[in-house]
């Protein structure tokens, strides 16, 4: 049995993020993150599907000055 290089399907993720600093000295910022995923089954040609939004959220960092992180949206944990 082999574990690397013999996977038949193709899967990938593409992520875009934007950070807007409110106050750089206090490290206060707002982030917007969007990630799509794509999948192509073995045996198909040029039929990758980018039809799934895997993550889409807005995150506020240290907005109250206590190093907290506030967010809303769809997000993965511990990946």
PDB file of N, CA and C in Angstrom:
ATOM      1  N   UNK A   1       0.840  -1.186   0.000  1.00  0.00           N
ATOM      2  CA  UNK A   1       0.000   0.000   0.000  1.00  0.00           C
ATOM      3  C   UNK A   1       0.879   1.242   0.000  1.00  0.00           C
ATOM      4  N   UNK A   2       0.426   2.258  -0.720  1.00  0.00           N
ATOM      5  CA  UNK A   2       1.127   3.536  -0.768  1.00  0.00           C
ATOM      6  C   UNK A   2       0.196   4.623  -0.243  1.00  0.00           C
ATOM      7  N   UNK A   3       0.764   5.629   0.396  1.00  0.00           N
ATOM      8  CA  UNK A   3      -0.081   6.689   0.936  1.00  0.00           C
ATOM      9  C   UNK A   3       0.115   8.027   0.239  1.00  0.00           C
ATOM     10  N   UNK A   4       1.226   8.217  -0.456  1.00  0.00           N
ATOM     11  CA  UNK A   4       1.455   9.490  -1.129  1.00  0.00           C
ATOM     12  C   UNK A   4       1.603   9.277  -2.632  1.00  0.00           C
ATOM     13  N   UNK A   5       0.946  10.106  -3.405  1.00  0.00           N
ATOM     14  CA  UNK A   5       1.117  10.061  -4.847  1.00  0.00           C
ATOM     15  C   UNK A   5       0.182   9.138  -5.584  1.00  0.00           C
ATOM     16  N   UNK A   6      -0.622   8.365  -4.878  1.00  0.00           N
ATOM     17  CA  UNK A   6      -1.518   7.463  -5.589  1.00  0.00           C
ATOM     18  C   UNK A   6      -2.988   7.833  -5.376  1.00  0.00           C
ATOM     19  N   UNK A   7      -3.252   9.043  -4.924  1.00  0.00           N
ATOM     20  CA  UNK A   7      -4.626   9.472  -4.763  1.00  0.00           C
ATOM     21  C   UNK A   7      -5.221   9.726  -6.145  1.00  0.00           C
ATOM     22  N   UNK A   8      -6.402   9.210  -6.352  1.00  0.00           N
ATOM     23  CA  UNK A   8      -7.003   9.270  -7.685  1.00  0.00           C
ATOM     24  C   UNK A   8      -7.679  10.606  -7.976  1.00  0.00           C
ATOM     25  N   UNK A   9      -8.211  11.262  -6.972  1.00  0.00           N
ATOM     26  CA  UNK A   9      -8.948  12.502  -7.184  1.00  0.00           C
ATOM     27  C   UNK A   9      -8.066  13.708  -6.877  1.00  0.00           C
ATOM     28  N   UNK A  10      -8.497  14.876  -7.348  1.00  0.00           N
ATOM     29  CA  UNK A  10      -7.775  16.116  -7.089  1.00  0.00           C
ATOM     30  C   UNK A  10      -8.660  17.029  -6.256  1.00  0.00           C
ATOM     31  N   UNK A  11      -8.091  17.567  -5.182  1.00  0.00           N
ATOM     32  CA  UNK A  11      -8.810  18.488  -4.306  1.00  0.00           C
ATOM     33  C   UNK A  11      -7.882  19.640  -3.952  1.00  0.00           C
ATOM     34  N   UNK A  12      -8.422  20.838  -3.869  1.00  0.00           N
ATOM     35  CA  UNK A  12      -7.602  21.986  -3.495  1.00  0.00           C
ATOM     36  C   UNK A  12      -8.435  23.076  -2.863  1.00  0.00           C
ATOM     37  N   UNK A  13      -7.744  24.008  -2.235  1.00  0.00           N
ATOM     38  CA  UNK A  13      -8.391  25.147  -1.603  1.00  0.00           C
ATOM     39  C   UNK A  13      -7.659  26.419  -2.009  1.00  0.00           C
ATOM     40  N   UNK A  14      -8.405  27.488  -2.203  1.00  0.00           N
ATOM     41  CA  UNK A  14      -7.843  28.777  -2.576  1.00  0.00           C
ATOM     42  C   UNK A  14      -8.427  29.821  -1.626  1.00  0.00           C
ATOM     43  N   UNK A  15      -7.540  30.532  -0.899  1.00  0.00           N
ATOM     44  CA  UNK A  15      -8.005  31.473   0.115  1.00  0.00           C
ATOM     45  C   UNK A  15      -7.518  32.883  -0.188  1.00  0.00           C
ATOM     46  N   UNK A  16      -8.407  33.842   0.033  1.00  0.00           N
ATOM     47  CA  UNK A  16      -8.088  35.260  -0.084  1.00  0.00           C
ATOM     48  C   UNK A  16      -8.421  35.920   1.249  1.00  0.00           C
ATOM     49  N   UNK A  17      -7.526  36.781   1.706  1.00  0.00           N
ATOM     50  CA  UNK A  17      -7.832  37.525   2.921  1.00  0.00           C
ATOM     51  C   UNK A  17      -7.353  38.966   2.798  1.00  0.00           C
ATOM     52  N   UNK A  18      -8.033  39.818   3.532  1.00  0.00           N
ATOM     53  CA  UNK A  18      -7.723  41.245   3.531  1.00  0.00           C
ATOM     54  C   UNK A  18      -7.716  41.724   4.976  1.00  0.00           C
ATOM     55  N   UNK A  19      -6.694  42.470   5.358  1.00  0.00           N
ATOM     56  CA  UNK A  19      -6.583  43.013   6.705  1.00  0.00           C
ATOM     57  C   UNK A  19      -6.578  44.535   6.639  1.00  0.00           C
ATOM     58  N   UNK A  20      -7.422  45.137   7.440  1.00  0.00           N
ATOM     59  CA  UNK A  20      -7.481  46.600   7.561  1.00  0.00           C
ATOM     60  C   UNK A  20      -7.147  46.963   9.006  1.00  0.00           C
ATOM     61  N   UNK A  21      -6.026  47.644   9.192  1.00  0.00           N
ATOM     62  CA  UNK A  21      -5.629  48.044  10.543  1.00  0.00           C
ATOM     63  C   UNK A  21      -6.377  49.300  10.959  1.00  0.00           C
ATOM     64  N   UNK A  22      -6.981  49.240  12.119  1.00  0.00           N
ATOM     65  CA  UNK A  22      -7.653  50.394  12.699  1.00  0.00           C
ATOM     66  C   UNK A  22      -6.635  51.213  13.487  1.00  0.00           C
ATOM     67  N   UNK A  23      -5.797  50.505  14.250  1.00  0.00           N
ATOM     68  CA  UNK A  23      -4.728  51.135  15.017  1.00  0.00           C
ATOM     69  C   UNK A  23      -3.553  50.161  15.056  1.00  0.00           C
ATOM     70  N   UNK A  24      -2.536  50.412  14.256  1.00  0.00           N
ATOM     71  CA  UNK A  24      -1.394  49.488  14.169  1.00  0.00           C
ATOM     72  C   UNK A  24      -0.628  49.386  15.478  1.00  0.00           C
ATOM     73  N   UNK A  25      -0.510  50.479  16.216  1.00  0.00           N
ATOM     74  CA  UNK A  25       0.252  50.464  17.466  1.00  0.00           C
ATOM     75  C   UNK A  25      -0.389  49.563  18.512  1.00  0.00           C
ATOM     76  N   UNK A  26      -1.720  49.491  18.518  1.00  0.00           N
ATOM     77  CA  UNK A  26      -2.437  48.629  19.465  1.00  0.00           C
ATOM     78  C   UNK A  26      -2.811  47.291  18.837  1.00  0.00           C
ATOM     79  N   UNK A  27      -2.390  47.064  17.596  1.00  0.00           N
ATOM     80  CA  UNK A  27      -2.670  45.833  16.854  1.00  0.00           C
ATOM     81  C   UNK A  27      -4.177  45.569  16.721  1.00  0.00           C
ATOM     82  N   UNK A  28      -4.945  46.613  16.480  1.00  0.00           N
ATOM     83  CA  UNK A  28      -6.379  46.484  16.264  1.00  0.00           C
ATOM     84  C   UNK A  28      -6.639  46.416  14.767  1.00  0.00           C
ATOM     85  N   UNK A  29      -7.359  45.371  14.349  1.00  0.00           N
ATOM     86  CA  UNK A  29      -7.592  45.194  12.916  1.00  0.00           C
ATOM     87  C   UNK A  29      -8.891  44.451  12.659  1.00  0.00           C
ATOM     88  N   UNK A  30      -9.326  44.534  11.417  1.00  0.00           N
ATOM     89  CA  UNK A  30     -10.475  43.776  10.930  1.00  0.00           C
ATOM     90  C   UNK A  30     -10.004  42.992   9.713  1.00  0.00           C
ATOM     91  N   UNK A  31     -10.289  41.697   9.701  1.00  0.00           N
ATOM     92  CA  UNK A  31      -9.909  40.814   8.601  1.00  0.00           C
ATOM     93  C   UNK A  31     -11.161  40.298   7.907  1.00  0.00           C
ATOM     94  N   UNK A  32     -11.092  40.158   6.604  1.00  0.00           N
ATOM     95  CA  UNK A  32     -12.131  39.495   5.818  1.00  0.00           C
ATOM     96  C   UNK A  32     -11.461  38.318   5.127  1.00  0.00           C
ATOM     97  N   UNK A  33     -12.036  37.123   5.286  1.00  0.00           N
ATOM     98  CA  UNK A  33     -11.445  35.904   4.726  1.00  0.00           C
ATOM     99  C   UNK A  33     -12.495  35.181   3.894  1.00  0.00           C
ATOM    100  N   UNK A  34     -12.108  34.794   2.684  1.00  0.00           N
ATOM    101  CA  UNK A  34     -12.963  33.975   1.811  1.00  0.00           C
ATOM    102  C   UNK A  34     -12.121  32.847   1.247  1.00  0.00           C
ATOM    103  N   UNK A  35     -12.619  31.631   1.333  1.00  0.00           N
ATOM    104  CA  UNK A  35     -11.904  30.480   0.798  1.00  0.00           C
ATOM    105  C   UNK A  35     -12.869  29.597   0.015  1.00  0.00           C
ATOM    106  N   UNK A  36     -12.456  29.229  -1.174  1.00  0.00           N
ATOM    107  CA  UNK A  36     -13.222  28.299  -1.991  1.00  0.00           C
ATOM    108  C   UNK A  36     -12.455  26.988  -2.075  1.00  0.00           C
ATOM    109  N   UNK A  37     -13.170  25.931  -2.359  1.00  0.00           N
ATOM    110  CA  UNK A  37     -12.512  24.640  -2.548  1.00  0.00           C
ATOM    111  C   UNK A  37     -12.930  24.077  -3.899  1.00  0.00           C
ATOM    112  N   UNK A  38     -12.074  23.234  -4.454  1.00  0.00           N
ATOM    113  CA  UNK A  38     -12.406  22.630  -5.740  1.00  0.00           C
ATOM    114  C   UNK A  38     -12.105  21.142  -5.699  1.00  0.00           C
ATOM    115  N   UNK A  39     -12.772  20.423  -6.582  1.00  0.00           N
ATOM    116  CA  UNK A  39     -12.671  18.972  -6.611  1.00  0.00           C
ATOM    117  C   UNK A  39     -12.782  18.497  -8.050  1.00  0.00           C
ATOM    118  N   UNK A  40     -11.956  17.525  -8.408  1.00  0.00           N
ATOM    119  CA  UNK A  40     -12.050  16.882  -9.717  1.00  0.00           C
ATOM    120  C   UNK A  40     -11.911  15.383  -9.514  1.00  0.00           C
ATOM    121  N   UNK A  41     -12.903  14.645  -9.938  1.00  0.00           N
ATOM    122  CA  UNK A  41     -12.883  13.192  -9.792  1.00  0.00           C
ATOM    123  C   UNK A  41     -11.934  12.567 -10.808  1.00  0.00           C
ATOM    124  N   UNK A  42     -11.362  11.443 -10.457  1.00  0.00           N
ATOM    125  CA  UNK A  42     -10.469  10.721 -11.351  1.00  0.00           C
ATOM    126  C   UNK A  42     -11.240  10.295 -12.598  1.00  0.00           C
ATOM    127  N   UNK A  43     -10.633  10.446 -13.759  1.00  0.00           N
ATOM    128  CA  UNK A  43     -11.257  10.028 -15.008  1.00  0.00           C
ATOM    129  C   UNK A  43     -11.985  11.141 -15.741  1.00  0.00           C
ATOM    130  N   UNK A  44     -12.096  12.320 -15.141  1.00  0.00           N
ATOM    131  CA  UNK A  44     -12.715  13.452 -15.832  1.00  0.00           C
ATOM    132  C   UNK A  44     -11.614  14.389 -16.307  1.00  0.00           C
ATOM    133  N   UNK A  45     -11.892  15.116 -17.353  1.00  0.00           N
ATOM    134  CA  UNK A  45     -10.901  16.037 -17.896  1.00  0.00           C
ATOM    135  C   UNK A  45     -11.425  17.462 -17.844  1.00  0.00           C
ATOM    136  N   UNK A  46     -10.657  18.328 -17.208  1.00  0.00           N
ATOM    137  CA  UNK A  46     -10.960  19.757 -17.142  1.00  0.00           C
ATOM    138  C   UNK A  46     -12.369  20.044 -16.648  1.00  0.00           C
ATOM    139  N   UNK A  47     -12.777  19.339 -15.626  1.00  0.00           N
ATOM    140  CA  UNK A  47     -14.102  19.559 -15.056  1.00  0.00           C
ATOM    141  C   UNK A  47     -14.015  19.936 -13.583  1.00  0.00           C
ATOM    142  N   UNK A  48     -13.009  20.714 -13.223  1.00  0.00           N
ATOM    143  CA  UNK A  48     -12.901  21.146 -11.831  1.00  0.00           C
ATOM    144  C   UNK A  48     -14.066  22.048 -11.490  1.00  0.00           C
ATOM    145  N   UNK A  49     -14.600  21.865 -10.302  1.00  0.00           N
ATOM    146  CA  UNK A  49     -15.756  22.631  -9.873  1.00  0.00           C
ATOM    147  C   UNK A  49     -15.371  23.519  -8.697  1.00  0.00           C
ATOM    148  N   UNK A  50     -15.472  24.826  -8.885  1.00  0.00           N
ATOM    149  CA  UNK A  50     -15.216  25.804  -7.831  1.00  0.00           C
ATOM    150  C   UNK A  50     -16.557  26.281  -7.283  1.00  0.00           C
ATOM    151  N   UNK A  51     -17.376  25.381  -6.835  1.00  0.00           N
ATOM    152  CA  UNK A  51     -18.735  25.752  -6.465  1.00  0.00           C
ATOM    153  C   UNK A  51     -18.990  25.753  -4.966  1.00  0.00           C
ATOM    154  N   UNK A  52     -17.954  25.660  -4.162  1.00  0.00           N
ATOM    155  CA  UNK A  52     -18.171  25.587  -2.724  1.00  0.00           C
ATOM    156  C   UNK A  52     -17.385  26.684  -2.007  1.00  0.00           C
ATOM    157  N   UNK A  53     -18.079  27.468  -1.212  1.00  0.00           N
ATOM    158  CA  UNK A  53     -17.415  28.418  -0.329  1.00  0.00           C
ATOM    159  C   UNK A  53     -17.125  27.683   0.963  1.00  0.00           C
ATOM    160  N   UNK A  54     -15.861  27.372   1.187  1.00  0.00           N
ATOM    161  CA  UNK A  54     -15.477  26.613   2.370  1.00  0.00           C
ATOM    162  C   UNK A  54     -15.431  27.496   3.615  1.00  0.00           C
ATOM    163  N   UNK A  55     -14.990  28.739   3.457  1.00  0.00           N
ATOM    164  CA  UNK A  55     -14.931  29.686   4.567  1.00  0.00           C
ATOM    165  C   UNK A  55     -15.295  31.076   4.060  1.00  0.00           C
ATOM    166  N   UNK A  56     -16.015  31.798   4.875  1.00  0.00           N
ATOM    167  CA  UNK A  56     -16.305  33.206   4.614  1.00  0.00           C
ATOM    168  C   UNK A  56     -16.631  33.838   5.959  1.00  0.00           C
ATOM    169  N   UNK A  57     -15.734  34.694   6.448  1.00  0.00           N
ATOM    170  CA  UNK A  57     -15.978  35.311   7.746  1.00  0.00           C
ATOM    171  C   UNK A  57     -15.266  36.655   7.865  1.00  0.00           C
ATOM    172  N   UNK A  58     -15.734  37.431   8.837  1.00  0.00           N
ATOM    173  CA  UNK A  58     -15.132  38.712   9.200  1.00  0.00           C
ATOM    174  C   UNK A  58     -14.653  38.569  10.639  1.00  0.00           C
ATOM    175  N   UNK A  59     -13.413  38.997  10.883  1.00  0.00           N
ATOM    176  CA  UNK A  59     -12.818  38.837  12.215  1.00  0.00           C
ATOM    177  C   UNK A  59     -12.294  40.184  12.700  1.00  0.00           C
ATOM    178  N   UNK A  60     -12.610  40.513  13.954  1.00  0.00           N
ATOM    179  CA  UNK A  60     -12.074  41.708  14.595  1.00  0.00           C
ATOM    180  C   UNK A  60     -11.036  41.299  15.624  1.00  0.00           C
ATOM    181  N   UNK A  61      -9.852  41.882  15.541  1.00  0.00           N
ATOM    182  CA  UNK A  61      -8.755  41.536  16.445  1.00  0.00           C
ATOM    183  C   UNK A  61      -8.465  42.683  17.401  1.00  0.00           C
ATOM    184  N   UNK A  62      -8.517  42.389  18.697  1.00  0.00           N
ATOM    185  CA  UNK A  62      -8.118  43.334  19.743  1.00  0.00           C
ATOM    186  C   UNK A  62      -8.907  44.645  19.676  1.00  0.00           C
ATOM    187  N   UNK A  63     -10.162  44.594  19.294  1.00  0.00           N
ATOM    188  CA  UNK A  63     -10.956  45.814  19.129  1.00  0.00           C
ATOM    189  C   UNK A  63     -11.269  46.493  20.459  1.00  0.00           C
ATOM    190  N   UNK A  64     -11.382  45.709  21.527  1.00  0.00           N
ATOM    191  CA  UNK A  64     -11.680  46.263  22.847  1.00  0.00           C
ATOM    192  C   UNK A  64     -10.424  46.458  23.689  1.00  0.00           C
ATOM    193  N   UNK A  65      -9.272  46.075  23.148  1.00  0.00           N
ATOM    194  CA  UNK A  65      -8.010  46.272  23.840  1.00  0.00           C
ATOM    195  C   UNK A  65      -7.606  45.166  24.790  1.00  0.00           C
ATOM    196  N   UNK A  66      -8.309  44.030  24.760  1.00  0.00           N
ATOM    197  CA  UNK A  66      -8.006  42.917  25.666  1.00  0.00           C
ATOM    198  C   UNK A  66      -7.498  41.685  24.927  1.00  0.00           C
ATOM    199  N   UNK A  67      -6.958  41.863  23.741  1.00  0.00           N
ATOM    200  CA  UNK A  67      -6.433  40.784  22.895  1.00  0.00           C
ATOM    201  C   UNK A  67      -7.497  39.749  22.522  1.00  0.00           C
ATOM    202  N   UNK A  68      -8.747  40.164  22.453  1.00  0.00           N
ATOM    203  CA  UNK A  68      -9.823  39.261  22.073  1.00  0.00           C
ATOM    204  C   UNK A  68      -9.937  39.184  20.553  1.00  0.00           C
ATOM    205  N   UNK A  69     -10.574  38.111  20.090  1.00  0.00           N
ATOM    206  CA  UNK A  69     -10.845  37.917  18.669  1.00  0.00           C
ATOM    207  C   UNK A  69     -12.342  37.669  18.532  1.00  0.00           C
ATOM    208  N   UNK A  70     -13.028  38.534  17.807  1.00  0.00           N
ATOM    209  CA  UNK A  70     -14.457  38.398  17.551  1.00  0.00           C
ATOM    210  C   UNK A  70     -14.648  38.120  16.070  1.00  0.00           C
ATOM    211  N   UNK A  71     -15.502  37.153  15.747  1.00  0.00           N
ATOM    212  CA  UNK A  71     -15.720  36.846  14.344  1.00  0.00           C
ATOM    213  C   UNK A  71     -17.165  36.430  14.115  1.00  0.00           C
ATOM    214  N   UNK A  72     -17.582  36.542  12.849  1.00  0.00           N
ATOM    215  CA  UNK A  72     -18.901  36.089  12.432  1.00  0.00           C
ATOM    216  C   UNK A  72     -18.765  35.507  11.031  1.00  0.00           C
ATOM    217  N   UNK A  73     -19.435  34.375  10.792  1.00  0.00           N
ATOM    218  CA  UNK A  73     -19.404  33.740   9.482  1.00  0.00           C
ATOM    219  C   UNK A  73     -19.140  32.252   9.566  1.00  0.00           C
ATOM    220  N   UNK A  74     -18.698  31.689   8.466  1.00  0.00           N
ATOM    221  CA  UNK A  74     -18.417  30.257   8.343  1.00  0.00           C
ATOM    222  C   UNK A  74     -16.908  30.064   8.371  1.00  0.00           C
ATOM    223  N   UNK A  75     -16.421  29.227   9.322  1.00  0.00           N
ATOM    224  CA  UNK A  75     -14.985  29.121   9.548  1.00  0.00           C
ATOM    225  C   UNK A  75     -14.604  27.714   9.992  1.00  0.00           C
ATOM    226  N   UNK A  76     -13.392  27.276   9.581  1.00  0.00           N
ATOM    227  CA  UNK A  76     -12.820  26.011  10.046  1.00  0.00           C
ATOM    228  C   UNK A  76     -11.986  26.249  11.286  1.00  0.00           C
ATOM    229  N   UNK A  77     -11.887  25.240  12.112  1.00  0.00           N
ATOM    230  CA  UNK A  77     -11.042  25.310  13.308  1.00  0.00           C
ATOM    231  C   UNK A  77      -9.910  24.308  13.234  1.00  0.00           C
ATOM    232  N   UNK A  78      -8.757  24.684  13.761  1.00  0.00           N
ATOM    233  CA  UNK A  78      -7.616  23.778  13.983  1.00  0.00           C
ATOM    234  C   UNK A  78      -7.281  22.933  12.768  1.00  0.00           C
ATOM    235  N   UNK A  79      -7.030  23.570  11.645  1.00  0.00           N
ATOM    236  CA  UNK A  79      -6.659  22.829  10.439  1.00  0.00           C
ATOM    237  C   UNK A  79      -5.193  22.924  10.206  1.00  0.00           C
TER     238      UNK A  79
END
